[in-house]
């Protein structure tokens, strides 16, 4: 079952209600109300990148002047093995889901370093 095939599947809905992070400042009653809303609208949540649905007709455009030049050489800080494993895994996941696609080297106009930062919470 997925967001596309069975978005209201009880196991899927229970999983979503469980993994959503709720604020600690909520009273028990407020938390139950929010969980009810999450349950009611569970079909809008994606459980994985492969469940992220494209918006029909949406396009991403950057208005960059034709004569603009950017750096094509980067000084990438070495990633630790766990960081590299995480990053490459995410890239493969996004490629498989069709969120990103590989670009031929001749189409690359700009390069930037990759920075991984752990969330504070």
PDB file of N, CA and C in Angstrom:
ATOM      1  N   UNK A   1       0.842  -1.183   0.000  1.00  0.00           N
ATOM      2  CA  UNK A   1       0.000   0.000   0.000  1.00  0.00           C
ATOM      3  C   UNK A   1       0.884   1.243   0.000  1.00  0.00           C
ATOM      4  N   UNK A   2       0.487   2.196  -0.781  1.00  0.00           N
ATOM      5  CA  UNK A   2       1.228   3.448  -0.860  1.00  0.00           C
ATOM      6  C   UNK A   2       0.246   4.609  -0.882  1.00  0.00           C
ATOM      7  N   UNK A   3       0.795   5.776  -0.940  1.00  0.00           N
ATOM      8  CA  UNK A   3      -0.022   6.987  -1.018  1.00  0.00           C
ATOM      9  C   UNK A   3      -0.876   6.977  -2.280  1.00  0.00           C
ATOM     10  N   UNK A   4      -0.370   6.361  -3.343  1.00  0.00           N
ATOM     11  CA  UNK A   4      -1.092   6.330  -4.606  1.00  0.00           C
ATOM     12  C   UNK A   4      -2.102   5.184  -4.638  1.00  0.00           C
ATOM     13  N   UNK A   5      -1.705   3.995  -4.171  1.00  0.00           N
ATOM     14  CA  UNK A   5      -2.581   2.830  -4.295  1.00  0.00           C
ATOM     15  C   UNK A   5      -3.646   2.748  -3.208  1.00  0.00           C
ATOM     16  N   UNK A   6      -3.258   2.956  -1.944  1.00  0.00           N
ATOM     17  CA  UNK A   6      -4.224   2.885  -0.840  1.00  0.00           C
ATOM     18  C   UNK A   6      -3.844   3.901   0.239  1.00  0.00           C
ATOM     19  N   UNK A   7      -4.110   5.177  -0.010  1.00  0.00           N
ATOM     20  CA  UNK A   7      -3.694   6.209   0.941  1.00  0.00           C
ATOM     21  C   UNK A   7      -4.389   6.125   2.292  1.00  0.00           C
ATOM     22  N   UNK A   8      -5.545   5.475   2.371  1.00  0.00           N
ATOM     23  CA  UNK A   8      -6.286   5.389   3.627  1.00  0.00           C
ATOM     24  C   UNK A   8      -6.096   4.038   4.326  1.00  0.00           C
ATOM     25  N   UNK A   9      -5.131   3.243   3.864  1.00  0.00           N
ATOM     26  CA  UNK A   9      -4.861   1.953   4.496  1.00  0.00           C
ATOM     27  C   UNK A   9      -4.597   2.173   5.989  1.00  0.00           C
ATOM     28  N   UNK A  10      -5.236   1.386   6.832  1.00  0.00           N
ATOM     29  CA  UNK A  10      -5.151   1.597   8.281  1.00  0.00           C
ATOM     30  C   UNK A  10      -3.719   1.518   8.809  1.00  0.00           C
ATOM     31  N   UNK A  11      -2.914   0.595   8.283  1.00  0.00           N
ATOM     32  CA  UNK A  11      -1.519   0.482   8.730  1.00  0.00           C
ATOM     33  C   UNK A  11      -0.729   1.733   8.333  1.00  0.00           C
ATOM     34  N   UNK A  12      -0.987   2.226   7.128  1.00  0.00           N
ATOM     35  CA  UNK A  12      -0.296   3.425   6.653  1.00  0.00           C
ATOM     36  C   UNK A  12      -0.690   4.627   7.516  1.00  0.00           C
ATOM     37  N   UNK A  13      -1.981   4.782   7.780  1.00  0.00           N
ATOM     38  CA  UNK A  13      -2.470   5.903   8.591  1.00  0.00           C
ATOM     39  C   UNK A  13      -1.878   5.833   9.996  1.00  0.00           C
ATOM     40  N   UNK A  14      -1.862   4.651  10.596  1.00  0.00           N
ATOM     41  CA  UNK A  14      -1.300   4.487  11.947  1.00  0.00           C
ATOM     42  C   UNK A  14       0.183   4.841  11.954  1.00  0.00           C
ATOM     43  N   UNK A  15       0.900   4.439  10.910  1.00  0.00           N
ATOM     44  CA  UNK A  15       2.326   4.758  10.802  1.00  0.00           C
ATOM     45  C   UNK A  15       2.525   6.274  10.752  1.00  0.00           C
ATOM     46  N   UNK A  16       1.737   6.953   9.943  1.00  0.00           N
ATOM     47  CA  UNK A  16       1.868   8.404   9.804  1.00  0.00           C
ATOM     48  C   UNK A  16       1.568   9.101  11.119  1.00  0.00           C
ATOM     49  N   UNK A  17       0.486   8.717  11.790  1.00  0.00           N
ATOM     50  CA  UNK A  17       0.137   9.327  13.076  1.00  0.00           C
ATOM     51  C   UNK A  17       1.275   9.123  14.072  1.00  0.00           C
ATOM     52  N   UNK A  18       1.931   7.978  13.996  1.00  0.00           N
ATOM     53  CA  UNK A  18       3.029   7.655  14.928  1.00  0.00           C
ATOM     54  C   UNK A  18       4.282   8.478  14.641  1.00  0.00           C
ATOM     55  N   UNK A  19       4.642   8.663  13.366  1.00  0.00           N
ATOM     56  CA  UNK A  19       5.929   9.302  13.044  1.00  0.00           C
ATOM     57  C   UNK A  19       5.873  10.824  12.971  1.00  0.00           C
ATOM     58  N   UNK A  20       4.684  11.402  12.877  1.00  0.00           N
ATOM     59  CA  UNK A  20       4.589  12.860  12.895  1.00  0.00           C
ATOM     60  C   UNK A  20       5.056  13.345  14.260  1.00  0.00           C
ATOM     61  N   UNK A  21       5.849  14.415  14.266  1.00  0.00           N
ATOM     62  CA  UNK A  21       6.345  14.958  15.526  1.00  0.00           C
ATOM     63  C   UNK A  21       5.387  16.041  16.016  1.00  0.00           C
ATOM     64  N   UNK A  22       4.898  15.856  17.210  1.00  0.00           N
ATOM     65  CA  UNK A  22       3.938  16.778  17.810  1.00  0.00           C
ATOM     66  C   UNK A  22       4.651  17.622  18.863  1.00  0.00           C
ATOM     67  N   UNK A  23       4.251  18.874  18.975  1.00  0.00           N
ATOM     68  CA  UNK A  23       4.871  19.761  19.952  1.00  0.00           C
ATOM     69  C   UNK A  23       4.647  19.302  21.377  1.00  0.00           C
ATOM     70  N   UNK A  24       5.655  19.505  22.194  1.00  0.00           N
ATOM     71  CA  UNK A  24       5.565  19.094  23.601  1.00  0.00           C
ATOM     72  C   UNK A  24       4.667  20.022  24.410  1.00  0.00           C
ATOM     73  N   UNK A  25       4.378  21.201  23.877  1.00  0.00           N
ATOM     74  CA  UNK A  25       3.562  22.168  24.607  1.00  0.00           C
ATOM     75  C   UNK A  25       2.068  21.868  24.490  1.00  0.00           C
ATOM     76  N   UNK A  26       1.696  20.872  23.689  1.00  0.00           N
ATOM     77  CA  UNK A  26       0.282  20.538  23.522  1.00  0.00           C
ATOM     78  C   UNK A  26      -0.258  19.824  24.755  1.00  0.00           C
ATOM     79  N   UNK A  27      -1.492  20.163  25.096  1.00  0.00           N
ATOM     80  CA  UNK A  27      -2.152  19.405  26.159  1.00  0.00           C
ATOM     81  C   UNK A  27      -2.558  18.056  25.564  1.00  0.00           C
ATOM     82  N   UNK A  28      -2.969  17.149  26.396  1.00  0.00           N
ATOM     83  CA  UNK A  28      -3.396  15.829  25.918  1.00  0.00           C
ATOM     84  C   UNK A  28      -4.575  15.966  24.951  1.00  0.00           C
ATOM     85  N   UNK A  29      -5.505  16.855  25.282  1.00  0.00           N
ATOM     86  CA  UNK A  29      -6.670  17.085  24.420  1.00  0.00           C
ATOM     87  C   UNK A  29      -6.242  17.668  23.063  1.00  0.00           C
ATOM     88  N   UNK A  30      -5.338  18.638  23.107  1.00  0.00           N
ATOM     89  CA  UNK A  30      -4.858  19.245  21.857  1.00  0.00           C
ATOM     90  C   UNK A  30      -4.110  18.224  21.008  1.00  0.00           C
ATOM     91  N   UNK A  31      -3.310  17.407  21.663  1.00  0.00           N
ATOM     92  CA  UNK A  31      -2.569  16.374  20.926  1.00  0.00           C
ATOM     93  C   UNK A  31      -3.542  15.417  20.229  1.00  0.00           C
ATOM     94  N   UNK A  32      -4.597  15.004  20.935  1.00  0.00           N
ATOM     95  CA  UNK A  32      -5.587  14.106  20.325  1.00  0.00           C
ATOM     96  C   UNK A  32      -6.269  14.774  19.135  1.00  0.00           C
ATOM     97  N   UNK A  33      -6.542  16.076  19.252  1.00  0.00           N
ATOM     98  CA  UNK A  33      -7.157  16.805  18.141  1.00  0.00           C
ATOM     99  C   UNK A  33      -6.222  16.848  16.933  1.00  0.00           C
ATOM    100  N   UNK A  34      -4.950  17.122  17.186  1.00  0.00           N
ATOM    101  CA  UNK A  34      -3.970  17.187  16.090  1.00  0.00           C
ATOM    102  C   UNK A  34      -3.785  15.804  15.473  1.00  0.00           C
ATOM    103  N   UNK A  35      -3.702  14.776  16.297  1.00  0.00           N
ATOM    104  CA  UNK A  35      -3.590  13.413  15.768  1.00  0.00           C
ATOM    105  C   UNK A  35      -4.807  13.065  14.912  1.00  0.00           C
ATOM    106  N   UNK A  36      -5.986  13.543  15.331  1.00  0.00           N
ATOM    107  CA  UNK A  36      -7.196  13.325  14.542  1.00  0.00           C
ATOM    108  C   UNK A  36      -7.111  13.996  13.179  1.00  0.00           C
ATOM    109  N   UNK A  37      -6.550  15.205  13.149  1.00  0.00           N
ATOM    110  CA  UNK A  37      -6.372  15.899  11.875  1.00  0.00           C
ATOM    111  C   UNK A  37      -5.370  15.170  10.985  1.00  0.00           C
ATOM    112  N   UNK A  38      -4.274  14.718  11.581  1.00  0.00           N
ATOM    113  CA  UNK A  38      -3.269  13.968  10.825  1.00  0.00           C
ATOM    114  C   UNK A  38      -3.900  12.701  10.260  1.00  0.00           C
ATOM    115  N   UNK A  39      -4.679  12.011  11.070  1.00  0.00           N
ATOM    116  CA  UNK A  39      -5.359  10.789  10.615  1.00  0.00           C
ATOM    117  C   UNK A  39      -6.338  11.105   9.480  1.00  0.00           C
ATOM    118  N   UNK A  40      -7.098  12.187   9.667  1.00  0.00           N
ATOM    119  CA  UNK A  40      -8.099  12.565   8.652  1.00  0.00           C
ATOM    120  C   UNK A  40      -7.456  12.911   7.307  1.00  0.00           C
ATOM    121  N   UNK A  41      -6.303  13.571   7.354  1.00  0.00           N
ATOM    122  CA  UNK A  41      -5.634  14.013   6.137  1.00  0.00           C
ATOM    123  C   UNK A  41      -4.367  13.210   5.833  1.00  0.00           C
ATOM    124  N   UNK A  42      -4.337  11.957   6.266  1.00  0.00           N
ATOM    125  CA  UNK A  42      -3.154  11.114   6.086  1.00  0.00           C
ATOM    126  C   UNK A  42      -2.779  10.931   4.620  1.00  0.00           C
ATOM    127  N   UNK A  43      -3.752  11.085   3.729  1.00  0.00           N
ATOM    128  CA  UNK A  43      -3.471  10.887   2.308  1.00  0.00           C
ATOM    129  C   UNK A  43      -2.554  11.955   1.723  1.00  0.00           C
ATOM    130  N   UNK A  44      -2.333  13.067   2.432  1.00  0.00           N
ATOM    131  CA  UNK A  44      -1.442  14.096   1.901  1.00  0.00           C
ATOM    132  C   UNK A  44       0.006  13.905   2.353  1.00  0.00           C
ATOM    133  N   UNK A  45       0.242  12.974   3.271  1.00  0.00           N
ATOM    134  CA  UNK A  45       1.587  12.727   3.774  1.00  0.00           C
ATOM    135  C   UNK A  45       2.297  11.690   2.916  1.00  0.00           C
ATOM    136  N   UNK A  46       3.568  11.932   2.653  1.00  0.00           N
ATOM    137  CA  UNK A  46       4.392  10.970   1.934  1.00  0.00           C
ATOM    138  C   UNK A  46       5.242  10.215   2.948  1.00  0.00           C
ATOM    139  N   UNK A  47       5.210   8.899   2.889  1.00  0.00           N
ATOM    140  CA  UNK A  47       5.992   8.081   3.821  1.00  0.00           C
ATOM    141  C   UNK A  47       7.424   7.875   3.324  1.00  0.00           C
ATOM    142  N   UNK A  48       7.664   8.172   2.062  1.00  0.00           N
ATOM    143  CA  UNK A  48       9.003   8.049   1.489  1.00  0.00           C
ATOM    144  C   UNK A  48       9.101   8.996   0.304  1.00  0.00           C
ATOM    145  N   UNK A  49      10.312   9.202  -0.184  1.00  0.00           N
ATOM    146  CA  UNK A  49      10.496  10.082  -1.335  1.00  0.00           C
ATOM    147  C   UNK A  49       9.748   9.578  -2.563  1.00  0.00           C
ATOM    148  N   UNK A  50       9.607   8.261  -2.676  1.00  0.00           N
ATOM    149  CA  UNK A  50       8.915   7.710  -3.844  1.00  0.00           C
ATOM    150  C   UNK A  50       7.419   8.039  -3.829  1.00  0.00           C
ATOM    151  N   UNK A  51       6.897   8.474  -2.680  1.00  0.00           N
ATOM    152  CA  UNK A  51       5.485   8.849  -2.588  1.00  0.00           C
ATOM    153  C   UNK A  51       5.253  10.346  -2.814  1.00  0.00           C
ATOM    154  N   UNK A  52       6.324  11.103  -3.020  1.00  0.00           N
ATOM    155  CA  UNK A  52       6.172  12.524  -3.305  1.00  0.00           C
ATOM    156  C   UNK A  52       5.659  12.648  -4.733  1.00  0.00           C
ATOM    157  N   UNK A  53       4.494  13.281  -4.875  1.00  0.00           N
ATOM    158  CA  UNK A  53       3.867  13.383  -6.183  1.00  0.00           C
ATOM    159  C   UNK A  53       4.217  14.706  -6.847  1.00  0.00           C
ATOM    160  N   UNK A  54       4.499  14.669  -8.151  1.00  0.00           N
ATOM    161  CA  UNK A  54       4.798  15.924  -8.843  1.00  0.00           C
ATOM    162  C   UNK A  54       3.540  16.791  -8.961  1.00  0.00           C
ATOM    163  N   UNK A  55       3.745  18.073  -8.985  1.00  0.00           N
ATOM    164  CA  UNK A  55       2.641  19.009  -9.176  1.00  0.00           C
ATOM    165  C   UNK A  55       2.481  19.193 -10.681  1.00  0.00           C
ATOM    166  N   UNK A  56       1.317  18.860 -11.226  1.00  0.00           N
ATOM    167  CA  UNK A  56       1.135  18.975 -12.678  1.00  0.00           C
ATOM    168  C   UNK A  56       1.411  20.391 -13.176  1.00  0.00           C
ATOM    169  N   UNK A  57       2.233  20.473 -14.217  1.00  0.00           N
ATOM    170  CA  UNK A  57       2.538  21.759 -14.830  1.00  0.00           C
ATOM    171  C   UNK A  57       3.575  22.597 -14.115  1.00  0.00           C
ATOM    172  N   UNK A  58       4.047  22.146 -12.962  1.00  0.00           N
ATOM    173  CA  UNK A  58       5.035  22.939 -12.219  1.00  0.00           C
ATOM    174  C   UNK A  58       6.407  22.821 -12.877  1.00  0.00           C
ATOM    175  N   UNK A  59       7.090  23.928 -12.987  1.00  0.00           N
ATOM    176  CA  UNK A  59       8.447  23.948 -13.521  1.00  0.00           C
ATOM    177  C   UNK A  59       9.293  24.857 -12.649  1.00  0.00           C
ATOM    178  N   UNK A  60      10.541  24.479 -12.496  1.00  0.00           N
ATOM    179  CA  UNK A  60      11.483  25.294 -11.739  1.00  0.00           C
ATOM    180  C   UNK A  60      12.365  26.010 -12.742  1.00  0.00           C
ATOM    181  N   UNK A  61      12.405  27.318 -12.654  1.00  0.00           N
ATOM    182  CA  UNK A  61      13.216  28.101 -13.576  1.00  0.00           C
ATOM    183  C   UNK A  61      14.087  29.071 -12.786  1.00  0.00           C
ATOM    184  N   UNK A  62      15.311  29.211 -13.249  1.00  0.00           N
ATOM    185  CA  UNK A  62      16.219  30.202 -12.691  1.00  0.00           C
ATOM    186  C   UNK A  62      16.466  31.244 -13.776  1.00  0.00           C
ATOM    187  N   UNK A  63      16.195  32.475 -13.492  1.00  0.00           N
ATOM    188  CA  UNK A  63      16.414  33.543 -14.461  1.00  0.00           C
ATOM    189  C   UNK A  63      17.850  34.039 -14.358  1.00  0.00           C
ATOM    190  N   UNK A  64      18.729  33.325 -15.034  1.00  0.00           N
ATOM    191  CA  UNK A  64      20.157  33.627 -15.001  1.00  0.00           C
ATOM    192  C   UNK A  64      20.549  34.215 -16.354  1.00  0.00           C
ATOM    193  N   UNK A  65      21.199  35.358 -16.359  1.00  0.00           N
ATOM    194  CA  UNK A  65      21.637  35.936 -17.634  1.00  0.00           C
ATOM    195  C   UNK A  65      22.540  34.964 -18.399  1.00  0.00           C
ATOM    196  N   UNK A  66      22.415  34.967 -19.715  1.00  0.00           N
ATOM    197  CA  UNK A  66      23.191  34.056 -20.569  1.00  0.00           C
ATOM    198  C   UNK A  66      24.695  34.217 -20.383  1.00  0.00           C
ATOM    199  N   UNK A  67      25.156  35.442 -20.133  1.00  0.00           N
ATOM    200  CA  UNK A  67      26.600  35.685 -20.035  1.00  0.00           C
ATOM    201  C   UNK A  67      27.149  35.496 -18.612  1.00  0.00           C
ATOM    202  N   UNK A  68      26.323  35.064 -17.692  1.00  0.00           N
ATOM    203  CA  UNK A  68      26.778  34.846 -16.310  1.00  0.00           C
ATOM    204  C   UNK A  68      27.724  33.650 -16.253  1.00  0.00           C
ATOM    205  N   UNK A  69      28.756  33.770 -15.439  1.00  0.00           N
ATOM    206  CA  UNK A  69      29.698  32.664 -15.248  1.00  0.00           C
ATOM    207  C   UNK A  69      29.740  32.308 -13.772  1.00  0.00           C
ATOM    208  N   UNK A  70      29.953  31.034 -13.526  1.00  0.00           N
ATOM    209  CA  UNK A  70      29.991  30.532 -12.155  1.00  0.00           C
ATOM    210  C   UNK A  70      31.193  29.615 -11.998  1.00  0.00           C
ATOM    211  N   UNK A  71      31.530  29.338 -10.757  1.00  0.00           N
ATOM    212  CA  UNK A  71      32.649  28.469 -10.448  1.00  0.00           C
ATOM    213  C   UNK A  71      32.308  27.021 -10.805  1.00  0.00           C
ATOM    214  N   UNK A  72      33.179  26.380 -11.554  1.00  0.00           N
ATOM    215  CA  UNK A  72      32.992  24.973 -11.887  1.00  0.00           C
ATOM    216  C   UNK A  72      33.966  24.078 -11.127  1.00  0.00           C
ATOM    217  N   UNK A  73      34.819  24.670 -10.309  1.00  0.00           N
ATOM    218  CA  UNK A  73      35.730  23.893  -9.469  1.00  0.00           C
ATOM    219  C   UNK A  73      35.351  24.133  -8.014  1.00  0.00           C
ATOM    220  N   UNK A  74      35.329  23.077  -7.280  1.00  0.00           N
ATOM    221  CA  UNK A  74      34.969  23.216  -5.870  1.00  0.00           C
ATOM    222  C   UNK A  74      36.061  22.627  -4.985  1.00  0.00           C
ATOM    223  N   UNK A  75      36.095  23.098  -3.775  1.00  0.00           N
ATOM    224  CA  UNK A  75      37.006  22.553  -2.770  1.00  0.00           C
ATOM    225  C   UNK A  75      36.129  21.840  -1.745  1.00  0.00           C
ATOM    226  N   UNK A  76      35.688  20.648  -2.122  1.00  0.00           N
ATOM    227  CA  UNK A  76      34.786  19.883  -1.268  1.00  0.00           C
ATOM    228  C   UNK A  76      35.531  19.342  -0.062  1.00  0.00           C
ATOM    229  N   UNK A  77      35.018  19.648   1.116  1.00  0.00           N
ATOM    230  CA  UNK A  77      35.568  19.065   2.335  1.00  0.00           C
ATOM    231  C   UNK A  77      35.271  17.571   2.310  1.00  0.00           C
ATOM    232  N   UNK A  78      36.247  16.778   2.663  1.00  0.00           N
ATOM    233  CA  UNK A  78      36.064  15.327   2.646  1.00  0.00           C
ATOM    234  C   UNK A  78      34.939  14.932   3.593  1.00  0.00           C
ATOM    235  N   UNK A  79      34.083  14.048   3.115  1.00  0.00           N
ATOM    236  CA  UNK A  79      33.002  13.532   3.949  1.00  0.00           C
ATOM    237  C   UNK A  79      33.502  12.314   4.713  1.00  0.00           C
ATOM    238  N   UNK A  80      33.024  12.147   5.924  1.00  0.00           N
ATOM    239  CA  UNK A  80      33.354  10.934   6.667  1.00  0.00           C
ATOM    240  C   UNK A  80      32.624   9.776   5.993  1.00  0.00           C
ATOM    241  N   UNK A  81      33.070   8.537   6.195  1.00  0.00           N
ATOM    242  CA  UNK A  81      32.364   7.405   5.578  1.00  0.00           C
ATOM    243  C   UNK A  81      30.858   7.379   5.885  1.00  0.00           C
ATOM    244  N   UNK A  82      30.423   7.630   7.138  1.00  0.00           N
ATOM    245  CA  UNK A  82      28.972   7.652   7.374  1.00  0.00           C
ATOM    246  C   UNK A  82      28.266   8.781   6.616  1.00  0.00           C
ATOM    247  N   UNK A  83      28.915   9.955   6.528  1.00  0.00           N
ATOM    248  CA  UNK A  83      28.320  11.068   5.791  1.00  0.00           C
ATOM    249  C   UNK A  83      28.192  10.717   4.301  1.00  0.00           C
ATOM    250  N   UNK A  84      29.262  10.148   3.735  1.00  0.00           N
ATOM    251  CA  UNK A  84      29.243   9.767   2.317  1.00  0.00           C
ATOM    252  C   UNK A  84      28.167   8.716   2.065  1.00  0.00           C
ATOM    253  N   UNK A  85      28.064   7.745   2.951  1.00  0.00           N
ATOM    254  CA  UNK A  85      27.043   6.704   2.804  1.00  0.00           C
ATOM    255  C   UNK A  85      25.644   7.312   2.844  1.00  0.00           C
ATOM    256  N   UNK A  86      25.419   8.237   3.794  1.00  0.00           N
ATOM    257  CA  UNK A  86      24.120   8.908   3.905  1.00  0.00           C
ATOM    258  C   UNK A  86      23.819   9.706   2.645  1.00  0.00           C
ATOM    259  N   UNK A  87      24.768  10.549   2.215  1.00  0.00           N
ATOM    260  CA  UNK A  87      24.555  11.414   1.061  1.00  0.00           C
ATOM    261  C   UNK A  87      24.312  10.603  -0.210  1.00  0.00           C
ATOM    262  N   UNK A  88      25.146   9.613  -0.454  1.00  0.00           N
ATOM    263  CA  UNK A  88      24.979   8.804  -1.665  1.00  0.00           C
ATOM    264  C   UNK A  88      23.673   8.015  -1.634  1.00  0.00           C
ATOM    265  N   UNK A  89      23.284   7.564  -0.455  1.00  0.00           N
ATOM    266  CA  UNK A  89      22.008   6.866  -0.323  1.00  0.00           C
ATOM    267  C   UNK A  89      20.839   7.775  -0.653  1.00  0.00           C
ATOM    268  N   UNK A  90      20.877   9.020  -0.171  1.00  0.00           N
ATOM    269  CA  UNK A  90      19.803   9.983  -0.459  1.00  0.00           C
ATOM    270  C   UNK A  90      19.764  10.315  -1.946  1.00  0.00           C
ATOM    271  N   UNK A  91      20.935  10.475  -2.545  1.00  0.00           N
ATOM    272  CA  UNK A  91      20.992  10.776  -3.981  1.00  0.00           C
ATOM    273  C   UNK A  91      20.384   9.629  -4.774  1.00  0.00           C
ATOM    274  N   UNK A  92      20.756   8.398  -4.443  1.00  0.00           N
ATOM    275  CA  UNK A  92      20.199   7.235  -5.147  1.00  0.00           C
ATOM    276  C   UNK A  92      18.689   7.136  -4.952  1.00  0.00           C
ATOM    277  N   UNK A  93      18.223   7.447  -3.732  1.00  0.00           N
ATOM    278  CA  UNK A  93      16.791   7.410  -3.436  1.00  0.00           C
ATOM    279  C   UNK A  93      16.039   8.448  -4.277  1.00  0.00           C
ATOM    280  N   UNK A  94      16.599   9.662  -4.398  1.00  0.00           N
ATOM    281  CA  UNK A  94      15.954  10.710  -5.188  1.00  0.00           C
ATOM    282  C   UNK A  94      16.005  10.396  -6.683  1.00  0.00           C
ATOM    283  N   UNK A  95      17.103   9.787  -7.141  1.00  0.00           N
ATOM    284  CA  UNK A  95      17.184   9.364  -8.544  1.00  0.00           C
ATOM    285  C   UNK A  95      16.113   8.316  -8.848  1.00  0.00           C
ATOM    286  N   UNK A  96      16.002   7.324  -7.958  1.00  0.00           N
ATOM    287  CA  UNK A  96      15.029   6.241  -8.157  1.00  0.00           C
ATOM    288  C   UNK A  96      13.594   6.767  -8.142  1.00  0.00           C
ATOM    289  N   UNK A  97      13.328   7.790  -7.318  1.00  0.00           N
ATOM    290  CA  UNK A  97      11.977   8.351  -7.209  1.00  0.00           C
ATOM    291  C   UNK A  97      11.672   9.335  -8.340  1.00  0.00           C
ATOM    292  N   UNK A  98      12.682   9.663  -9.137  1.00  0.00           N
ATOM    293  CA  UNK A  98      12.468  10.606 -10.236  1.00  0.00           C
ATOM    294  C   UNK A  98      12.429  12.057  -9.790  1.00  0.00           C
ATOM    295  N   UNK A  99      12.898  12.335  -8.587  1.00  0.00           N
ATOM    296  CA  UNK A  99      12.908  13.700  -8.071  1.00  0.00           C
ATOM    297  C   UNK A  99      14.049  14.495  -8.702  1.00  0.00           C
ATOM    298  N   UNK A 100      15.170  13.827  -8.900  1.00  0.00           N
ATOM    299  CA  UNK A 100      16.318  14.442  -9.571  1.00  0.00           C
ATOM    300  C   UNK A 100      16.732  13.534 -10.714  1.00  0.00           C
ATOM    301  N   UNK A 101      17.528  14.060 -11.593  1.00  0.00           N
ATOM    302  CA  UNK A 101      18.060  13.236 -12.681  1.00  0.00           C
ATOM    303  C   UNK A 101      19.512  13.620 -12.919  1.00  0.00           C
ATOM    304  N   UNK A 102      20.259  12.677 -13.466  1.00  0.00           N
ATOM    305  CA  UNK A 102      21.664  12.935 -13.765  1.00  0.00           C
ATOM    306  C   UNK A 102      21.743  13.914 -14.925  1.00  0.00           C
ATOM    307  N   UNK A 103      22.737  14.786 -14.860  1.00  0.00           N
ATOM    308  CA  UNK A 103      22.943  15.770 -15.921  1.00  0.00           C
ATOM    309  C   UNK A 103      24.293  15.515 -16.581  1.00  0.00           C
ATOM    310  N   UNK A 104      24.330  15.561 -17.899  1.00  0.00           N
ATOM    311  CA  UNK A 104      25.609  15.416 -18.584  1.00  0.00           C
ATOM    312  C   UNK A 104      26.560  16.548 -18.172  1.00  0.00           C
ATOM    313  N   UNK A 105      27.840  16.258 -18.087  1.00  0.00           N
ATOM    314  CA  UNK A 105      28.831  17.238 -17.631  1.00  0.00           C
ATOM    315  C   UNK A 105      28.780  18.528 -18.432  1.00  0.00           C
ATOM    316  N   UNK A 106      28.503  18.442 -19.723  1.00  0.00           N
ATOM    317  CA  UNK A 106      28.490  19.655 -20.554  1.00  0.00           C
ATOM    318  C   UNK A 106      27.318  20.590 -20.227  1.00  0.00           C
ATOM    319  N   UNK A 107      26.321  20.103 -19.508  1.00  0.00           N
ATOM    320  CA  UNK A 107      25.196  20.954 -19.118  1.00  0.00           C
ATOM    321  C   UNK A 107      25.394  21.608 -17.746  1.00  0.00           C
ATOM    322  N   UNK A 108      26.431  21.200 -17.030  1.00  0.00           N
ATOM    323  CA  UNK A 108      26.681  21.749 -15.696  1.00  0.00           C
ATOM    324  C   UNK A 108      27.192  23.180 -15.842  1.00  0.00           C
ATOM    325  N   UNK A 109      26.511  24.102 -15.191  1.00  0.00           N
ATOM    326  CA  UNK A 109      26.869  25.521 -15.270  1.00  0.00           C
ATOM    327  C   UNK A 109      27.474  26.051 -13.973  1.00  0.00           C
ATOM    328  N   UNK A 110      27.278  25.323 -12.872  1.00  0.00           N
ATOM    329  CA  UNK A 110      27.752  25.797 -11.581  1.00  0.00           C
ATOM    330  C   UNK A 110      27.941  24.612 -10.639  1.00  0.00           C
ATOM    331  N   UNK A 111      28.960  24.677  -9.813  1.00  0.00           N
ATOM    332  CA  UNK A 111      29.199  23.649  -8.796  1.00  0.00           C
ATOM    333  C   UNK A 111      29.302  24.329  -7.439  1.00  0.00           C
ATOM    334  N   UNK A 112      28.839  23.654  -6.432  1.00  0.00           N
ATOM    335  CA  UNK A 112      28.935  24.169  -5.069  1.00  0.00           C
ATOM    336  C   UNK A 112      29.248  23.014  -4.131  1.00  0.00           C
ATOM    337  N   UNK A 113      29.857  23.330  -3.022  1.00  0.00           N
ATOM    338  CA  UNK A 113      30.186  22.279  -2.058  1.00  0.00           C
ATOM    339  C   UNK A 113      28.915  21.759  -1.404  1.00  0.00           C
ATOM    340  N   UNK A 114      28.988  20.533  -0.965  1.00  0.00           N
ATOM    341  CA  UNK A 114      27.881  19.913  -0.244  1.00  0.00           C
ATOM    342  C   UNK A 114      28.167  20.035   1.248  1.00  0.00           C
ATOM    343  N   UNK A 115      27.205  20.544   1.985  1.00  0.00           N
ATOM    344  CA  UNK A 115      27.349  20.683   3.429  1.00  0.00           C
ATOM    345  C   UNK A 115      26.260  19.868   4.097  1.00  0.00           C
ATOM    346  N   UNK A 116      26.649  18.953   4.959  1.00  0.00           N
ATOM    347  CA  UNK A 116      25.684  18.172   5.727  1.00  0.00           C
ATOM    348  C   UNK A 116      25.665  18.732   7.146  1.00  0.00           C
ATOM    349  N   UNK A 117      24.485  19.015   7.647  1.00  0.00           N
ATOM    350  CA  UNK A 117      24.344  19.549   8.994  1.00  0.00           C
ATOM    351  C   UNK A 117      23.263  18.753   9.714  1.00  0.00           C
ATOM    352  N   UNK A 118      23.563  18.340  10.933  1.00  0.00           N
ATOM    353  CA  UNK A 118      22.597  17.607  11.733  1.00  0.00           C
ATOM    354  C   UNK A 118      21.550  18.567  12.285  1.00  0.00           C
ATOM    355  N   UNK A 119      20.298  18.152  12.247  1.00  0.00           N
ATOM    356  CA  UNK A 119      19.232  18.986  12.797  1.00  0.00           C
ATOM    357  C   UNK A 119      19.417  19.131  14.299  1.00  0.00           C
ATOM    358  N   UNK A 120      18.979  20.263  14.806  1.00  0.00           N
ATOM    359  CA  UNK A 120      19.155  20.560  16.227  1.00  0.00           C
ATOM    360  C   UNK A 120      18.291  19.700  17.132  1.00  0.00           C
ATOM    361  N   UNK A 121      17.104  19.265  16.658  1.00  0.00           N
ATOM    362  CA  UNK A 121      16.193  18.531  17.544  1.00  0.00           C
ATOM    363  C   UNK A 121      16.438  17.071  17.539  1.00  0.00           C
TER     364      UNK A 121
END
